[in-house]
PDB file of N, CA and C in Angstrom:
ATOM      1  N   MET A   1     -19.125  -4.381  21.158  1.00  0.00           N
ATOM      2  CA  MET A   1     -18.901  -3.001  20.782  1.00  0.00           C
ATOM      3  C   MET A   1     -17.639  -2.886  19.924  1.00  0.00           C
ATOM      4  N   THR A   2     -16.655  -3.679  20.201  1.00  0.00           N
ATOM      5  CA  THR A   2     -15.408  -3.644  19.453  1.00  0.00           C
ATOM      6  C   THR A   2     -15.631  -4.051  18.005  1.00  0.00           C
ATOM      7  N   PHE A   3     -16.487  -5.029  17.808  1.00  0.00           N
ATOM      8  CA  PHE A   3     -16.781  -5.484  16.458  1.00  0.00           C
ATOM      9  C   PHE A   3     -17.454  -4.377  15.637  1.00  0.00           C
ATOM     10  N   LEU A   4     -18.389  -3.629  16.275  1.00  0.00           N
ATOM     11  CA  LEU A   4     -19.069  -2.528  15.593  1.00  0.00           C
ATOM     12  C   LEU A   4     -18.081  -1.428  15.231  1.00  0.00           C
ATOM     13  N   ASN A   5     -17.175  -1.092  16.135  1.00  0.00           N
ATOM     14  CA  ASN A   5     -16.161  -0.084  15.840  1.00  0.00           C
ATOM     15  C   ASN A   5     -15.269  -0.524  14.680  1.00  0.00           C
ATOM     16  N   PHE A   6     -14.933  -1.769  14.656  1.00  0.00           N
ATOM     17  CA  PHE A   6     -14.107  -2.299  13.570  1.00  0.00           C
ATOM     18  C   PHE A   6     -14.808  -2.148  12.228  1.00  0.00           C
ATOM     19  N   ILE A   7     -16.115  -2.449  12.194  1.00  0.00           N
ATOM     20  CA  ILE A   7     -16.878  -2.343  10.946  1.00  0.00           C
ATOM     21  C   ILE A   7     -16.973  -0.896  10.499  1.00  0.00           C
ATOM     22  N   LEU A   8     -17.261   0.009  11.442  1.00  0.00           N
ATOM     23  CA  LEU A   8     -17.383   1.421  11.076  1.00  0.00           C
ATOM     24  C   LEU A   8     -16.049   1.991  10.597  1.00  0.00           C
ATOM     25  N   CYS A   9     -14.980   1.681  11.264  1.00  0.00           N
ATOM     26  CA  CYS A   9     -13.660   2.171  10.851  1.00  0.00           C
ATOM     27  C   CYS A   9     -13.284   1.611   9.488  1.00  0.00           C
ATOM     28  N   ASP A  10     -13.586   0.342   9.277  1.00  0.00           N
ATOM     29  CA  ASP A  10     -13.291  -0.300   7.999  1.00  0.00           C
ATOM     30  C   ASP A  10     -14.099   0.350   6.875  1.00  0.00           C
ATOM     31  N   ALA A  11     -15.375   0.680   7.153  1.00  0.00           N
ATOM     32  CA  ALA A  11     -16.223   1.307   6.143  1.00  0.00           C
ATOM     33  C   ALA A  11     -15.722   2.711   5.813  1.00  0.00           C
ATOM     34  N   MET A  12     -15.272   3.445   6.811  1.00  0.00           N
ATOM     35  CA  MET A  12     -14.777   4.794   6.571  1.00  0.00           C
ATOM     36  C   MET A  12     -13.463   4.771   5.792  1.00  0.00           C
ATOM     37  N   GLN A  13     -12.628   3.797   6.055  1.00  0.00           N
ATOM     38  CA  GLN A  13     -11.373   3.693   5.309  1.00  0.00           C
ATOM     39  C   GLN A  13     -11.657   3.318   3.865  1.00  0.00           C
ATOM     40  N   ASP A  14     -12.659   2.489   3.648  1.00  0.00           N
ATOM     41  CA  ASP A  14     -13.017   2.116   2.286  1.00  0.00           C
ATOM     42  C   ASP A  14     -13.538   3.318   1.502  1.00  0.00           C
ATOM     43  N   ALA A  15     -14.221   4.213   2.177  1.00  0.00           N
ATOM     44  CA  ALA A  15     -14.771   5.383   1.510  1.00  0.00           C
ATOM     45  C   ALA A  15     -13.712   6.449   1.280  1.00  0.00           C
ATOM     46  N   GLY A  16     -12.554   6.284   1.837  1.00  0.00           N
ATOM     47  CA  GLY A  16     -11.475   7.248   1.645  1.00  0.00           C
ATOM     48  C   GLY A  16     -11.500   8.370   2.658  1.00  0.00           C
ATOM     49  N   ALA A  17     -12.375   8.297   3.661  1.00  0.00           N
ATOM     50  CA  ALA A  17     -12.465   9.348   4.674  1.00  0.00           C
ATOM     51  C   ALA A  17     -11.497   9.048   5.803  1.00  0.00           C
ATOM     52  N   PRO A  18     -10.953  10.060   6.426  1.00  0.00           N
ATOM     53  CA  PRO A  18     -10.065   9.825   7.558  1.00  0.00           C
ATOM     54  C   PRO A  18     -10.845   9.275   8.749  1.00  0.00           C
ATOM     55  N   VAL A  19     -10.175   8.490   9.562  1.00  0.00           N
ATOM     56  CA  VAL A  19     -10.825   7.834  10.687  1.00  0.00           C
ATOM     57  C   VAL A  19     -11.015   8.800  11.856  1.00  0.00           C
ATOM     58  N   GLY A  20     -10.231   9.842  11.983  1.00  0.00           N
ATOM     59  CA  GLY A  20     -10.278  10.769  13.119  1.00  0.00           C
ATOM     60  C   GLY A  20     -11.505  11.671  13.072  1.00  0.00           C
ATOM     61  N   ASN A  21     -11.354  12.886  13.601  1.00  0.00           N
ATOM     62  CA  ASN A  21     -12.440  13.859  13.635  1.00  0.00           C
ATOM     63  C   ASN A  21     -12.783  14.343  12.229  1.00  0.00           C
ATOM     64  N   PRO A  22     -14.044  14.665  11.989  1.00  0.00           N
ATOM     65  CA  PRO A  22     -14.396  15.234  10.691  1.00  0.00           C
ATOM     66  C   PRO A  22     -13.745  16.605  10.526  1.00  0.00           C
ATOM     67  N   GLN A  23     -13.415  16.954   9.307  1.00  0.00           N
ATOM     68  CA  GLN A  23     -12.716  18.210   9.054  1.00  0.00           C
ATOM     69  C   GLN A  23     -13.670  19.396   9.183  1.00  0.00           C
ATOM     70  N   GLY A  24     -13.189  20.487   9.753  1.00  0.00           N
ATOM     71  CA  GLY A  24     -13.947  21.726   9.840  1.00  0.00           C
ATOM     72  C   GLY A  24     -15.037  21.700  10.897  1.00  0.00           C
ATOM     73  N   GLY A  25     -15.119  20.718  11.729  1.00  0.00           N
ATOM     74  CA  GLY A  25     -16.188  20.599  12.712  1.00  0.00           C
ATOM     75  C   GLY A  25     -16.077  21.600  13.837  1.00  0.00           C
ATOM     76  N   GLY A  26     -14.877  21.920  14.280  1.00  0.00           N
ATOM     77  CA  GLY A  26     -14.690  22.803  15.424  1.00  0.00           C
ATOM     78  C   GLY A  26     -15.097  24.231  15.159  1.00  0.00           C
ATOM     79  N   MET A  27     -14.645  24.796  14.049  1.00  0.00           N
ATOM     80  CA  MET A  27     -14.926  26.194  13.754  1.00  0.00           C
ATOM     81  C   MET A  27     -16.398  26.406  13.412  1.00  0.00           C
ATOM     82  N   SER A  28     -16.985  25.497  12.661  1.00  0.00           N
ATOM     83  CA  SER A  28     -18.397  25.667  12.302  1.00  0.00           C
ATOM     84  C   SER A  28     -19.289  25.538  13.536  1.00  0.00           C
ATOM     85  N   MET A  29     -18.886  24.723  14.494  1.00  0.00           N
ATOM     86  CA  MET A  29     -19.659  24.588  15.730  1.00  0.00           C
ATOM     87  C   MET A  29     -19.624  25.885  16.531  1.00  0.00           C
ATOM     88  N   ILE A  30     -18.470  26.523  16.603  1.00  0.00           N
ATOM     89  CA  ILE A  30     -18.345  27.791  17.319  1.00  0.00           C
ATOM     90  C   ILE A  30     -19.178  28.872  16.643  1.00  0.00           C
ATOM     91  N   ILE A  31     -19.143  28.925  15.336  1.00  0.00           N
ATOM     92  CA  ILE A  31     -19.928  29.915  14.593  1.00  0.00           C
ATOM     93  C   ILE A  31     -21.421  29.698  14.829  1.00  0.00           C
ATOM     94  N   MET A  32     -21.874  28.453  14.805  1.00  0.00           N
ATOM     95  CA  MET A  32     -23.284  28.151  15.040  1.00  0.00           C
ATOM     96  C   MET A  32     -23.709  28.557  16.450  1.00  0.00           C
ATOM     97  N   LEU A  33     -22.867  28.312  17.448  1.00  0.00           N
ATOM     98  CA  LEU A  33     -23.192  28.702  18.814  1.00  0.00           C
ATOM     99  C   LEU A  33     -23.268  30.222  18.955  1.00  0.00           C
ATOM    100  N   LEU A  34     -22.358  30.928  18.310  1.00  0.00           N
ATOM    101  CA  LEU A  34     -22.399  32.387  18.343  1.00  0.00           C
ATOM    102  C   LEU A  34     -23.657  32.924  17.665  1.00  0.00           C
ATOM    103  N   LEU A  35     -24.018  32.357  16.529  1.00  0.00           N
ATOM    104  CA  LEU A  35     -25.234  32.786  15.834  1.00  0.00           C
ATOM    105  C   LEU A  35     -26.477  32.513  16.678  1.00  0.00           C
ATOM    106  N   MET A  36     -26.509  31.377  17.341  1.00  0.00           N
ATOM    107  CA  MET A  36     -27.643  31.067  18.211  1.00  0.00           C
ATOM    108  C   MET A  36     -27.719  32.056  19.372  1.00  0.00           C
ATOM    109  N   GLY A  37     -26.590  32.440  19.914  1.00  0.00           N
ATOM    110  CA  GLY A  37     -26.553  33.427  20.988  1.00  0.00           C
ATOM    111  C   GLY A  37     -27.066  34.782  20.533  1.00  0.00           C
ATOM    112  N   VAL A  38     -26.668  35.208  19.340  1.00  0.00           N
ATOM    113  CA  VAL A  38     -27.125  36.494  18.794  1.00  0.00           C
ATOM    114  C   VAL A  38     -28.635  36.465  18.562  1.00  0.00           C
ATOM    115  N   VAL A  39     -29.132  35.395  17.981  1.00  0.00           N
ATOM    116  CA  VAL A  39     -30.577  35.270  17.734  1.00  0.00           C
ATOM    117  C   VAL A  39     -31.334  35.264  19.057  1.00  0.00           C
ATOM    118  N   PHE A  40     -30.845  34.525  20.040  1.00  0.00           N
ATOM    119  CA  PHE A  40     -31.474  34.466  21.360  1.00  0.00           C
ATOM    120  C   PHE A  40     -31.529  35.856  21.981  1.00  0.00           C
ATOM    121  N   TYR A  41     -30.453  36.627  21.866  1.00  0.00           N
ATOM    122  CA  TYR A  41     -30.424  37.976  22.433  1.00  0.00           C
ATOM    123  C   TYR A  41     -31.448  38.882  21.764  1.00  0.00           C
ATOM    124  N   PHE A  42     -31.478  38.911  20.421  1.00  0.00           N
ATOM    125  CA  PHE A  42     -32.343  39.851  19.719  1.00  0.00           C
ATOM    126  C   PHE A  42     -33.815  39.466  19.747  1.00  0.00           C
ATOM    127  N   PHE A  43     -34.142  38.195  19.896  1.00  0.00           N
ATOM    128  CA  PHE A  43     -35.542  37.797  19.886  1.00  0.00           C
ATOM    129  C   PHE A  43     -36.127  37.558  21.266  1.00  0.00           C
ATOM    130  N   ILE A  44     -35.311  37.391  22.294  1.00  0.00           N
ATOM    131  CA  ILE A  44     -35.846  37.099  23.619  1.00  0.00           C
ATOM    132  C   ILE A  44     -35.388  38.115  24.664  1.00  0.00           C
ATOM    133  N   ILE A  45     -34.102  38.287  24.828  1.00  0.00           N
ATOM    134  CA  ILE A  45     -33.591  39.121  25.913  1.00  0.00           C
ATOM    135  C   ILE A  45     -33.864  40.604  25.668  1.00  0.00           C
ATOM    136  N   ARG A  46     -33.549  41.106  24.505  1.00  0.00           N
ATOM    137  CA  ARG A  46     -33.697  42.538  24.224  1.00  0.00           C
ATOM    138  C   ARG A  46     -35.147  43.010  24.300  1.00  0.00           C
ATOM    139  N   PRO A  47     -36.120  42.304  23.692  1.00  0.00           N
ATOM    140  CA  PRO A  47     -37.513  42.752  23.830  1.00  0.00           C
ATOM    141  C   PRO A  47     -38.007  42.731  25.279  1.00  0.00           C
ATOM    142  N   GLN A  48     -37.572  41.747  26.062  1.00  0.00           N
ATOM    143  CA  GLN A  48     -37.983  41.683  27.466  1.00  0.00           C
ATOM    144  C   GLN A  48     -37.418  42.874  28.244  1.00  0.00           C
ATOM    145  N   GLN A  49     -36.173  43.229  27.987  1.00  0.00           N
ATOM    146  CA  GLN A  49     -35.578  44.382  28.657  1.00  0.00           C
ATOM    147  C   GLN A  49     -36.317  45.665  28.283  1.00  0.00           C
ATOM    148  N   LYS A  50     -36.732  45.769  27.024  1.00  0.00           N
ATOM    149  CA  LYS A  50     -37.463  46.951  26.562  1.00  0.00           C
ATOM    150  C   LYS A  50     -38.817  47.046  27.266  1.00  0.00           C
ATOM    151  N   ARG A  51     -39.531  45.916  27.400  1.00  0.00           N
ATOM    152  CA  ARG A  51     -40.817  45.915  28.096  1.00  0.00           C
ATOM    153  C   ARG A  51     -40.650  46.302  29.562  1.00  0.00           C
ATOM    154  N   GLN A  52     -39.613  45.787  30.214  1.00  0.00           N
ATOM    155  CA  GLN A  52     -39.364  46.105  31.615  1.00  0.00           C
ATOM    156  C   GLN A  52     -39.081  47.596  31.794  1.00  0.00           C
ATOM    157  N   LYS A  53     -38.315  48.173  30.878  1.00  0.00           N
ATOM    158  CA  LYS A  53     -37.988  49.598  30.959  1.00  0.00           C
ATOM    159  C   LYS A  53     -39.242  50.453  30.766  1.00  0.00           C
ATOM    160  N   GLU A  54     -40.108  50.074  29.817  1.00  0.00           N
ATOM    161  CA  GLU A  54     -41.351  50.812  29.587  1.00  0.00           C
ATOM    162  C   GLU A  54     -42.271  50.722  30.800  1.00  0.00           C
ATOM    163  N   LEU A  55     -42.351  49.544  31.411  1.00  0.00           N
ATOM    164  CA  LEU A  55     -43.195  49.358  32.593  1.00  0.00           C
ATOM    165  C   LEU A  55     -42.677  50.182  33.762  1.00  0.00           C
ATOM    166  N   GLN A  56     -41.367  50.243  33.935  1.00  0.00           N
ATOM    167  CA  GLN A  56     -40.796  51.048  35.016  1.00  0.00           C
ATOM    168  C   GLN A  56     -41.056  52.534  34.789  1.00  0.00           C
ATOM    169  N   THR A  57     -40.939  52.983  33.546  1.00  0.00           N
ATOM    170  CA  THR A  57     -41.227  54.377  33.221  1.00  0.00           C
ATOM    171  C   THR A  57     -42.702  54.693  33.494  1.00  0.00           C
ATOM    172  N   PHE A  58     -43.590  53.757  33.143  1.00  0.00           N
ATOM    173  CA  PHE A  58     -45.017  53.920  33.413  1.00  0.00           C
ATOM    174  C   PHE A  58     -45.272  54.064  34.908  1.00  0.00           C
ATOM    175  N   ARG A  59     -44.674  53.188  35.713  1.00  0.00           N
ATOM    176  CA  ARG A  59     -44.893  53.233  37.163  1.00  0.00           C
ATOM    177  C   ARG A  59     -44.337  54.506  37.785  1.00  0.00           C
ATOM    178  N   ASP A  60     -43.204  54.973  37.276  1.00  0.00           N
ATOM    179  CA  ASP A  60     -42.619  56.204  37.804  1.00  0.00           C
ATOM    180  C   ASP A  60     -43.482  57.425  37.478  1.00  0.00           C
ATOM    181  N   GLY A  61     -44.248  57.354  36.389  1.00  0.00           N
ATOM    182  CA  GLY A  61     -45.070  58.484  35.963  1.00  0.00           C
ATOM    183  C   GLY A  61     -46.454  58.530  36.586  1.00  0.00           C
ATOM    184  N   LEU A  62     -46.826  57.518  37.349  1.00  0.00           N
ATOM    185  CA  LEU A  62     -48.152  57.513  37.971  1.00  0.00           C
ATOM    186  C   LEU A  62     -48.244  58.568  39.063  1.00  0.00           C
ATOM    187  N   GLN A  63     -49.434  59.169  39.179  1.00  0.00           N
ATOM    188  CA  GLN A  63     -49.655  60.220  40.160  1.00  0.00           C
ATOM    189  C   GLN A  63     -50.940  59.953  40.919  1.00  0.00           C
ATOM    190  N   LYS A  64     -51.154  60.716  41.956  1.00  0.00           N
ATOM    191  CA  LYS A  64     -52.371  60.617  42.758  1.00  0.00           C
ATOM    192  C   LYS A  64     -53.579  60.925  41.860  1.00  0.00           C
ATOM    193  N   GLY A  65     -54.587  60.085  41.949  1.00  0.00           N
ATOM    194  CA  GLY A  65     -55.794  60.271  41.145  1.00  0.00           C
ATOM    195  C   GLY A  65     -55.851  59.399  39.894  1.00  0.00           C
ATOM    196  N   ASP A  66     -54.744  58.752  39.528  1.00  0.00           N
ATOM    197  CA  ASP A  66     -54.737  57.867  38.358  1.00  0.00           C
ATOM    198  C   ASP A  66     -55.462  56.572  38.673  1.00  0.00           C
ATOM    199  N   LYS A  67     -56.243  56.097  37.707  1.00  0.00           N
ATOM    200  CA  LYS A  67     -56.933  54.819  37.853  1.00  0.00           C
ATOM    201  C   LYS A  67     -55.991  53.723  37.370  1.00  0.00           C
ATOM    202  N   VAL A  68     -55.809  52.693  38.195  1.00  0.00           N
ATOM    203  CA  VAL A  68     -54.848  51.636  37.890  1.00  0.00           C
ATOM    204  C   VAL A  68     -55.447  50.255  38.143  1.00  0.00           C
ATOM    205  N   MET A  69     -54.730  49.232  37.640  1.00  0.00           N
ATOM    206  CA  MET A  69     -55.069  47.843  37.907  1.00  0.00           C
ATOM    207  C   MET A  69     -53.809  47.141  38.389  1.00  0.00           C
ATOM    208  N   THR A  70     -53.964  46.275  39.389  1.00  0.00           N
ATOM    209  CA  THR A  70     -52.832  45.531  39.921  1.00  0.00           C
ATOM    210  C   THR A  70     -52.707  44.194  39.200  1.00  0.00           C
ATOM    211  N   VAL A  71     -51.619  43.494  39.481  1.00  0.00           N
ATOM    212  CA  VAL A  71     -51.384  42.170  38.910  1.00  0.00           C
ATOM    213  C   VAL A  71     -52.527  41.223  39.277  1.00  0.00           C
ATOM    214  N   GLY A  72     -53.080  41.370  40.461  1.00  0.00           N
ATOM    215  CA  GLY A  72     -54.168  40.514  40.919  1.00  0.00           C
ATOM    216  C   GLY A  72     -55.523  40.881  40.353  1.00  0.00           C
ATOM    217  N   GLY A  73     -55.602  41.937  39.546  1.00  0.00           N
ATOM    218  CA  GLY A  73     -56.861  42.329  38.921  1.00  0.00           C
ATOM    219  C   GLY A  73     -57.677  43.314  39.729  1.00  0.00           C
ATOM    220  N   ILE A  74     -57.098  43.904  40.751  1.00  0.00           N
ATOM    221  CA  ILE A  74     -57.812  44.879  41.572  1.00  0.00           C
ATOM    222  C   ILE A  74     -57.737  46.235  40.888  1.00  0.00           C
ATOM    223  N   HIS A  75     -58.905  46.850  40.671  1.00  0.00           N
ATOM    224  CA  HIS A  75     -58.987  48.172  40.060  1.00  0.00           C
ATOM    225  C   HIS A  75     -59.202  49.204  41.161  1.00  0.00           C
ATOM    226  N   GLY A  76     -58.578  50.348  41.007  1.00  0.00           N
ATOM    227  CA  GLY A  76     -58.747  51.398  41.993  1.00  0.00           C
ATOM    228  C   GLY A  76     -58.102  52.690  41.543  1.00  0.00           C
ATOM    229  N   VAL A  77     -58.126  53.660  42.438  1.00  0.00           N
ATOM    230  CA  VAL A  77     -57.566  54.987  42.172  1.00  0.00           C
ATOM    231  C   VAL A  77     -56.452  55.230  43.175  1.00  0.00           C
ATOM    232  N   ILE A  78     -55.324  55.722  42.697  1.00  0.00           N
ATOM    233  CA  ILE A  78     -54.196  56.012  43.581  1.00  0.00           C
ATOM    234  C   ILE A  78     -54.567  57.191  44.474  1.00  0.00           C
ATOM    235  N   SER A  79     -54.513  56.956  45.804  1.00  0.00           N
ATOM    236  CA  SER A  79     -54.844  58.027  46.744  1.00  0.00           C
ATOM    237  C   SER A  79     -53.626  58.495  47.527  1.00  0.00           C
ATOM    238  N   GLY A  80     -52.518  57.797  47.383  1.00  0.00           N
ATOM    239  CA  GLY A  80     -51.289  58.187  48.051  1.00  0.00           C
ATOM    240  C   GLY A  80     -50.150  57.306  47.577  1.00  0.00           C
ATOM    241  N   MET A  81     -48.933  57.735  47.845  1.00  0.00           N
ATOM    242  CA  MET A  81     -47.784  56.935  47.421  1.00  0.00           C
ATOM    243  C   MET A  81     -46.576  57.215  48.297  1.00  0.00           C
ATOM    244  N   THR A  82     -45.746  56.186  48.408  1.00  0.00           N
ATOM    245  CA  THR A  82     -44.447  56.330  49.052  1.00  0.00           C
ATOM    246  C   THR A  82     -43.405  55.942  48.007  1.00  0.00           C
ATOM    247  N   GLU A  83     -42.176  55.758  48.452  1.00  0.00           N
ATOM    248  CA  GLU A  83     -41.111  55.422  47.512  1.00  0.00           C
ATOM    249  C   GLU A  83     -41.319  54.052  46.861  1.00  0.00           C
ATOM    250  N   THR A  84     -41.884  53.100  47.611  1.00  0.00           N
ATOM    251  CA  THR A  84     -42.027  51.733  47.089  1.00  0.00           C
ATOM    252  C   THR A  84     -43.461  51.234  47.020  1.00  0.00           C
ATOM    253  N   THR A  85     -44.440  51.998  47.553  1.00  0.00           N
ATOM    254  CA  THR A  85     -45.825  51.520  47.568  1.00  0.00           C
ATOM    255  C   THR A  85     -46.803  52.577  47.080  1.00  0.00           C
ATOM    256  N   PHE A  86     -47.976  52.083  46.677  1.00  0.00           N
ATOM    257  CA  PHE A  86     -49.115  52.938  46.350  1.00  0.00           C
ATOM    258  C   PHE A  86     -50.218  52.650  47.345  1.00  0.00           C
ATOM    259  N   LEU A  87     -50.967  53.659  47.711  1.00  0.00           N
ATOM    260  CA  LEU A  87     -52.179  53.502  48.489  1.00  0.00           C
ATOM    261  C   LEU A  87     -53.314  53.636  47.487  1.00  0.00           C
ATOM    262  N   ILE A  88     -54.101  52.563  47.319  1.00  0.00           N
ATOM    263  CA  ILE A  88     -55.124  52.535  46.280  1.00  0.00           C
ATOM    264  C   ILE A  88     -56.500  52.488  46.918  1.00  0.00           C
ATOM    265  N   LEU A  89     -57.369  53.399  46.502  1.00  0.00           N
ATOM    266  CA  LEU A  89     -58.758  53.437  46.940  1.00  0.00           C
ATOM    267  C   LEU A  89     -59.541  52.494  46.038  1.00  0.00           C
ATOM    268  N   ILE A  90     -60.090  51.398  46.621  1.00  0.00           N
ATOM    269  CA  ILE A  90     -60.801  50.412  45.804  1.00  0.00           C
ATOM    270  C   ILE A  90     -62.316  50.495  45.986  1.00  0.00           C
ATOM    271  N   ALA A  91     -62.765  51.120  47.039  1.00  0.00           N
ATOM    272  CA  ALA A  91     -64.190  51.371  47.289  1.00  0.00           C
ATOM    273  C   ALA A  91     -64.258  52.571  48.231  1.00  0.00           C
ATOM    274  N   GLU A  92     -65.461  53.044  48.474  1.00  0.00           N
ATOM    275  CA  GLU A  92     -65.596  54.192  49.351  1.00  0.00           C
ATOM    276  C   GLU A  92     -65.083  53.840  50.747  1.00  0.00           C
ATOM    277  N   ASN A  93     -64.122  54.613  51.228  1.00  0.00           N
ATOM    278  CA  ASN A  93     -63.478  54.418  52.533  1.00  0.00           C
ATOM    279  C   ASN A  93     -62.718  53.096  52.650  1.00  0.00           C
ATOM    280  N   VAL A  94     -62.325  52.488  51.540  1.00  0.00           N
ATOM    281  CA  VAL A  94     -61.541  51.250  51.566  1.00  0.00           C
ATOM    282  C   VAL A  94     -60.269  51.485  50.750  1.00  0.00           C
ATOM    283  N   GLU A  95     -59.139  51.499  51.435  1.00  0.00           N
ATOM    284  CA  GLU A  95     -57.850  51.696  50.780  1.00  0.00           C
ATOM    285  C   GLU A  95     -56.947  50.508  51.076  1.00  0.00           C
ATOM    286  N   ILE A  96     -56.143  50.139  50.076  1.00  0.00           N
ATOM    287  CA  ILE A  96     -55.155  49.081  50.279  1.00  0.00           C
ATOM    288  C   ILE A  96     -53.786  49.625  49.884  1.00  0.00           C
ATOM    289  N   SER A  97     -52.780  49.060  50.482  1.00  0.00           N
ATOM    290  CA  SER A  97     -51.404  49.433  50.162  1.00  0.00           C
ATOM    291  C   SER A  97     -50.800  48.309  49.326  1.00  0.00           C
ATOM    292  N   VAL A  98     -50.276  48.644  48.159  1.00  0.00           N
ATOM    293  CA  VAL A  98     -49.674  47.643  47.273  1.00  0.00           C
ATOM    294  C   VAL A  98     -48.286  48.110  46.846  1.00  0.00           C
ATOM    295  N   GLU A  99     -47.437  47.157  46.526  1.00  0.00           N
ATOM    296  CA  GLU A  99     -46.108  47.480  46.010  1.00  0.00           C
ATOM    297  C   GLU A  99     -46.246  48.128  44.629  1.00  0.00           C
ATOM    298  N   LYS A 100     -45.356  49.026  44.311  1.00  0.00           N
ATOM    299  CA  LYS A 100     -45.379  49.652  42.987  1.00  0.00           C
ATOM    300  C   LYS A 100     -45.204  48.626  41.880  1.00  0.00           C
ATOM    301  N   SER A 101     -44.454  47.567  42.158  1.00  0.00           N
ATOM    302  CA  SER A 101     -44.212  46.562  41.136  1.00  0.00           C
ATOM    303  C   SER A 101     -45.455  45.748  40.796  1.00  0.00           C
ATOM    304  N   SER A 102     -46.516  45.837  41.619  1.00  0.00           N
ATOM    305  CA  SER A 102     -47.725  45.076  41.329  1.00  0.00           C
ATOM    306  C   SER A 102     -48.718  45.847  40.461  1.00  0.00           C
ATOM    307  N   VAL A 103     -48.465  47.115  40.197  1.00  0.00           N
ATOM    308  CA  VAL A 103     -49.341  47.898  39.324  1.00  0.00           C
ATOM    309  C   VAL A 103     -48.895  47.691  37.887  1.00  0.00           C
ATOM    310  N   VAL A 104     -49.841  47.232  37.048  1.00  0.00           N
ATOM    311  CA  VAL A 104     -49.458  46.873  35.684  1.00  0.00           C
ATOM    312  C   VAL A 104     -50.176  47.660  34.595  1.00  0.00           C
ATOM    313  N   ALA A 105     -51.265  48.340  34.918  1.00  0.00           N
ATOM    314  CA  ALA A 105     -51.999  49.016  33.846  1.00  0.00           C
ATOM    315  C   ALA A 105     -52.669  50.275  34.363  1.00  0.00           C
ATOM    316  N   ASP A 106     -52.827  51.227  33.453  1.00  0.00           N
ATOM    317  CA  ASP A 106     -53.579  52.443  33.709  1.00  0.00           C
ATOM    318  C   ASP A 106     -54.953  52.243  33.079  1.00  0.00           C
ATOM    319  N   THR A 107     -55.997  52.272  33.889  1.00  0.00           N
ATOM    320  CA  THR A 107     -57.340  51.999  33.368  1.00  0.00           C
ATOM    321  C   THR A 107     -58.149  53.263  33.143  1.00  0.00           C
ATOM    322  N   SER A 108     -57.517  54.404  33.127  1.00  0.00           N
ATOM    323  CA  SER A 108     -58.238  55.656  32.922  1.00  0.00           C
ATOM    324  C   SER A 108     -58.942  55.681  31.574  1.00  0.00           C
ATOM    325  N   ASP A 109     -58.261  55.246  30.518  1.00  0.00           N
ATOM    326  CA  ASP A 109     -58.836  55.290  29.179  1.00  0.00           C
ATOM    327  C   ASP A 109     -59.958  54.278  29.008  1.00  0.00           C
ATOM    328  N   THR A 110     -59.796  53.057  29.529  1.00  0.00           N
ATOM    329  CA  THR A 110     -60.813  52.024  29.333  1.00  0.00           C
ATOM    330  C   THR A 110     -62.071  52.336  30.111  1.00  0.00           C
ATOM    331  N   THR A 111     -61.952  52.923  31.292  1.00  0.00           N
ATOM    332  CA  THR A 111     -63.129  53.273  32.077  1.00  0.00           C
ATOM    333  C   THR A 111     -63.916  54.382  31.395  1.00  0.00           C
ATOM    334  N   GLY A 112     -63.216  55.351  30.848  1.00  0.00           N
ATOM    335  CA  GLY A 112     -63.882  56.434  30.125  1.00  0.00           C
ATOM    336  C   GLY A 112     -64.596  55.923  28.885  1.00  0.00           C
ATOM    337  N   ALA A 113     -64.008  54.967  28.185  1.00  0.00           N
ATOM    338  CA  ALA A 113     -64.632  54.408  27.005  1.00  0.00           C
ATOM    339  C   ALA A 113     -65.879  53.619  27.367  1.00  0.00           C
ATOM    340  N   GLN A 114     -65.869  52.913  28.510  1.00  0.00           N
ATOM    341  CA  GLN A 114     -67.038  52.165  28.952  1.00  0.00           C
ATOM    342  C   GLN A 114     -68.170  53.102  29.357  1.00  0.00           C
ATOM    343  N   GLU A 115     -67.839  54.203  30.019  1.00  0.00           N
ATOM    344  CA  GLU A 115     -68.867  55.175  30.415  1.00  0.00           C
ATOM    345  C   GLU A 115     -69.489  55.826  29.185  1.00  0.00           C
ATOM    346  N   ALA A 116     -68.671  56.108  28.168  1.00  0.00           N
ATOM    347  CA  ALA A 116     -69.177  56.712  26.940  1.00  0.00           C
ATOM    348  C   ALA A 116     -70.096  55.741  26.188  1.00  0.00           C
ATOM    349  N   ALA A 117     -69.842  54.450  26.318  1.00  0.00           N
ATOM    350  CA  ALA A 117     -70.657  53.449  25.640  1.00  0.00           C
ATOM    351  C   ALA A 117     -71.937  53.141  26.414  1.00  0.00           C
ATOM    352  N   GLY A 118     -72.043  53.686  27.638  1.00  0.00           N
ATOM    353  CA  GLY A 118     -73.252  53.493  28.423  1.00  0.00           C
ATOM    354  C   GLY A 118     -73.231  52.243  29.270  1.00  0.00           C
ATOM    355  N   LYS A 119     -72.079  51.694  29.535  1.00  0.00           N
ATOM    356  CA  LYS A 119     -71.985  50.479  30.362  1.00  0.00           C
ATOM    357  C   LYS A 119     -71.813  50.846  31.806  1.00  0.00           C
TER     358      LYS A 119
END
């Protein structure tokens, strides 16, 4: 390893470059890291926060009688609610209690469109 270091140092001295750290490396590295952080924030973190806020607003606006779908794909109609859960009617005389965070979609529009199409 010592022989390789000797050759590299000798080659750099022949080229007229200093043997120590390359010039300007520290500041440009900091700038690149900051730029990467800004890009990461605007393309990943900010859109995710916006989606989460929209989903929370959607869940807060749900009312009794709304047709919904859960994360697990269960479709039903909200028949009751508490502060943290929904009571969902999934069949005649069959109700389940689910967390509000598991409701992801309002299926009122899609069901109406399917009925209009004759399905």
